[in-house]
Amino acid sequence: MQDGDWFDAVDPIILAQKQHVRQVVAQFNRSPSRGHLKQVLALLGRVGTGCRIEGGLHLDMAQQIYLGKDVYINAGCVLLDAGVIEIGDHVLLGPGVHIYAVEHPKDPDQRRAGWMRGRPVRIGANSWIGGGAFILPGVTIGRDAIIGAGSVVTRDVADGGEVAGNPARSIR
């Protein structure tokens, strides 16, 4: 799967990968031990040192998630990585943050058939994503940005930007 290319999400190989990821993540969520965390981190495309993840996690494919150093993912986060999700060094994700690097076709017949495509999401170093925020496909959040709790981010956020609301707008 390449970002921007449509693919069949019900392809047996993709479904098997998702099932494997669900099993590993479910084991971690039941018992978030260091050993189970290592199994989750091994699924990811790249992991920097010092990353911490709380329970209640949901991952989709996992191998297109790239974490920088000292990333903190709080409880209940959802990362859907049909497209690349890059999270820079020292990023904090509050509880219940959803990151969607996937979009579905506008045509209902294509949606029913299981087609989707990845669109990358990138979060720059030292950013803080407040609890319950939603980051939508194709969004880039710059370095040192702050996303207010409960925000729905539909557009790029500049370095040092502070946004909040639905849809998220600059507050500074």
Protein backbone atom coordinates (compact mmCIF):
# COMPACT_ATOMS: atom_id res chain seq x y z
CA MET A 1 0.00 0.00 0.00
CA GLN A 2 1.36 3.38 -1.00
CA ASP A 3 -0.10 6.62 0.29
CA GLY A 4 -2.72 7.87 -2.15
CA ASP A 5 -3.31 4.54 -3.91
CA TRP A 6 -6.73 2.93 -3.58
CA PHE A 7 -6.64 -0.61 -2.21
CA ASP A 8 -9.05 -3.38 -1.27
CA ALA A 9 -9.32 -3.38 2.53
CA VAL A 10 -10.98 -6.80 2.53
CA ASP A 11 -8.06 -8.46 0.76
CA PRO A 12 -7.23 -11.66 2.71
CA ILE A 13 -3.59 -10.64 3.27
CA ILE A 14 -4.62 -7.28 4.71
CA LEU A 15 -7.30 -8.88 6.88
CA ALA A 16 -4.76 -11.40 8.23
CA GLN A 17 -2.33 -8.58 9.10
CA LYS A 18 -5.07 -6.62 10.88
CA GLN A 19 -6.11 -9.72 12.83
CA HIS A 20 -2.53 -10.33 13.98
CA VAL A 21 -2.20 -6.69 15.09
CA ARG A 22 -5.53 -6.90 16.96
CA GLN A 23 -4.39 -10.02 18.83
CA VAL A 24 -1.08 -8.49 19.93
CA VAL A 25 -2.71 -5.19 20.94
CA ALA A 26 -5.55 -6.97 22.78
CA GLN A 27 -3.01 -8.89 24.85
CA PHE A 28 -1.25 -5.60 25.71
CA ASN A 29 -4.57 -3.94 26.59
CA ARG A 30 -5.52 -6.82 28.92
CA SER A 31 -2.13 -6.74 30.62
CA PRO A 32 0.02 -3.71 29.70
CA SER A 33 3.30 -5.23 30.89
CA ARG A 34 6.72 -4.28 29.55
CA GLY A 35 6.86 -7.59 27.64
CA HIS A 36 3.52 -6.99 25.94
CA LEU A 37 4.54 -3.40 25.15
CA LYS A 38 7.67 -4.72 23.41
CA GLN A 39 5.45 -6.95 21.26
CA VAL A 40 3.31 -3.94 20.26
CA LEU A 41 6.37 -1.80 19.50
CA ALA A 42 7.79 -4.60 17.33
CA LEU A 43 4.74 -4.26 15.05
CA LEU A 44 5.49 -0.62 14.26
CA GLY A 45 7.54 0.64 11.31
CA ARG A 46 10.04 2.50 13.52
CA VAL A 47 10.25 3.29 17.23
CA GLY A 48 12.63 5.74 18.89
CA THR A 49 13.99 5.18 22.37
CA GLY A 50 11.95 5.98 25.45
CA CYS A 51 8.46 5.63 23.94
CA ARG A 52 5.61 4.93 26.35
CA ILE A 53 2.12 3.69 25.51
CA GLU A 54 -0.82 3.27 27.88
CA GLY A 55 -3.56 0.62 27.58
CA GLY A 56 -6.76 0.93 25.59
CA LEU A 57 -4.76 1.27 22.37
CA HIS A 58 -6.21 0.51 18.92
CA LEU A 59 -3.98 0.07 15.87
CA ASP A 60 -4.96 -0.84 12.32
CA MET A 61 -2.03 -2.19 10.28
CA ALA A 62 0.76 -0.91 12.59
CA GLN A 63 3.73 -1.16 10.20
CA GLN A 64 3.19 2.36 8.80
CA ILE A 65 3.45 4.03 12.22
CA TYR A 66 6.78 5.74 12.90
CA LEU A 67 7.50 7.06 16.41
CA GLY A 68 10.34 9.41 17.30
CA LYS A 69 12.14 9.43 20.64
CA ASP A 70 10.26 9.82 23.93
CA VAL A 71 6.77 9.76 22.39
CA TYR A 72 3.97 9.34 24.94
CA ILE A 73 0.66 7.81 23.84
CA ASN A 74 -1.95 8.09 26.59
CA ALA A 75 -4.85 5.69 27.24
CA GLY A 76 -7.46 4.94 24.60
CA CYS A 77 -5.70 6.28 21.50
CA VAL A 78 -6.65 5.09 18.00
CA LEU A 79 -4.12 5.12 15.14
CA LEU A 80 -5.49 4.03 11.75
CA ASP A 81 -2.47 3.66 9.49
CA ALA A 82 -3.60 2.74 6.00
CA GLY A 83 -1.32 5.69 5.28
CA VAL A 84 1.88 6.67 7.05
CA ILE A 85 1.62 8.13 10.55
CA GLU A 86 4.83 9.92 11.58
CA ILE A 87 5.04 11.18 15.16
CA GLY A 88 8.13 13.25 15.96
CA ASP A 89 10.37 13.26 19.01
CA HIS A 90 8.90 14.27 22.39
CA VAL A 91 5.28 14.34 21.18
CA LEU A 92 2.52 13.88 23.75
CA LEU A 93 -0.82 12.37 22.73
CA GLY A 94 -3.54 12.93 25.32
CA PRO A 95 -6.09 10.26 26.21
CA GLY A 96 -8.48 9.24 23.46
CA VAL A 97 -6.65 10.92 20.58
CA HIS A 98 -7.66 9.55 17.16
CA ILE A 99 -5.29 9.76 14.19
CA TYR A 100 -6.82 8.74 10.86
CA ALA A 101 -4.42 8.25 7.93
CA VAL A 102 -7.14 6.64 5.83
CA GLU A 103 -10.00 7.84 3.69
CA HIS A 104 -12.87 6.13 1.94
CA PRO A 105 -14.28 6.86 -1.53
CA LYS A 106 -17.20 9.23 -1.95
CA ASP A 107 -18.95 6.66 -4.13
CA PRO A 108 -21.12 4.42 -1.90
CA ASP A 109 -20.65 1.35 -4.12
CA GLN A 110 -16.87 1.64 -3.79
CA ARG A 111 -17.19 2.07 -0.01
CA ARG A 112 -19.35 -1.06 0.23
CA ALA A 113 -16.78 -2.95 -1.83
CA GLY A 114 -14.13 -2.12 0.79
CA TRP A 115 -11.96 0.36 -1.09
CA MET A 116 -9.87 2.90 0.81
CA ARG A 117 -6.60 4.77 0.52
CA GLY A 118 -3.97 6.06 2.84
CA ARG A 119 -3.15 9.73 3.30
CA PRO A 120 -0.22 10.50 5.58
CA VAL A 121 -0.46 12.26 8.93
CA ARG A 122 2.68 13.90 10.29
CA ILE A 123 3.12 15.40 13.75
CA GLY A 124 6.24 17.49 14.35
CA ALA A 125 8.57 17.21 17.33
CA ASN A 126 7.59 18.63 20.73
CA SER A 127 3.91 18.90 19.85
CA TRP A 128 1.10 18.25 22.30
CA ILE A 129 -2.20 16.80 21.12
CA GLY A 130 -4.93 17.33 23.73
CA GLY A 131 -7.23 14.54 24.86
CA GLY A 132 -10.04 13.53 22.54
CA ALA A 133 -8.61 15.34 19.51
CA PHE A 134 -9.17 13.93 16.02
CA ILE A 135 -6.44 14.34 13.38
CA LEU A 136 -7.86 13.71 9.90
CA PRO A 137 -6.16 12.24 6.80
CA GLY A 138 -3.50 14.27 5.03
CA VAL A 139 -2.85 16.67 7.94
CA THR A 140 0.64 17.84 8.90
CA ILE A 141 1.09 19.35 12.36
CA GLY A 142 4.26 21.41 12.70
CA ARG A 143 6.88 21.33 15.44
CA ASP A 144 6.00 22.73 18.87
CA ALA A 145 2.27 22.87 18.03
CA ILE A 146 -0.54 22.55 20.56
CA ILE A 147 -3.89 21.01 19.64
CA GLY A 148 -6.69 21.73 22.13
CA ALA A 149 -8.64 18.90 23.72
CA GLY A 150 -11.58 17.72 21.62
CA SER A 151 -10.39 19.47 18.46
CA VAL A 152 -11.04 18.14 14.97
CA VAL A 153 -7.97 18.98 12.88
CA THR A 154 -8.87 19.10 9.19
CA ARG A 155 -6.01 21.32 7.93
CA ASP A 156 -2.28 21.64 8.45
CA VAL A 157 -1.03 23.40 11.58
CA ALA A 158 2.09 25.58 11.36
CA ASP A 159 5.16 25.22 13.56
CA GLY A 160 4.31 26.65 16.97
CA GLY A 161 0.62 26.89 16.08
CA GLU A 162 -2.11 26.57 18.69
CA VAL A 163 -5.50 25.41 17.44
CA ALA A 164 -8.76 24.30 19.04
CA GLY A 165 -12.36 23.63 18.10
CA ASN A 166 -14.40 21.78 15.51
CA PRO A 167 -13.09 22.41 12.98
CA ALA A 168 -9.83 23.41 14.64
CA ARG A 169 -8.91 27.08 14.21
CA SER A 170 -5.97 29.15 15.36
CA ILE A 171 -6.34 30.44 18.92
CA ARG A 172 -3.05 32.31 19.04
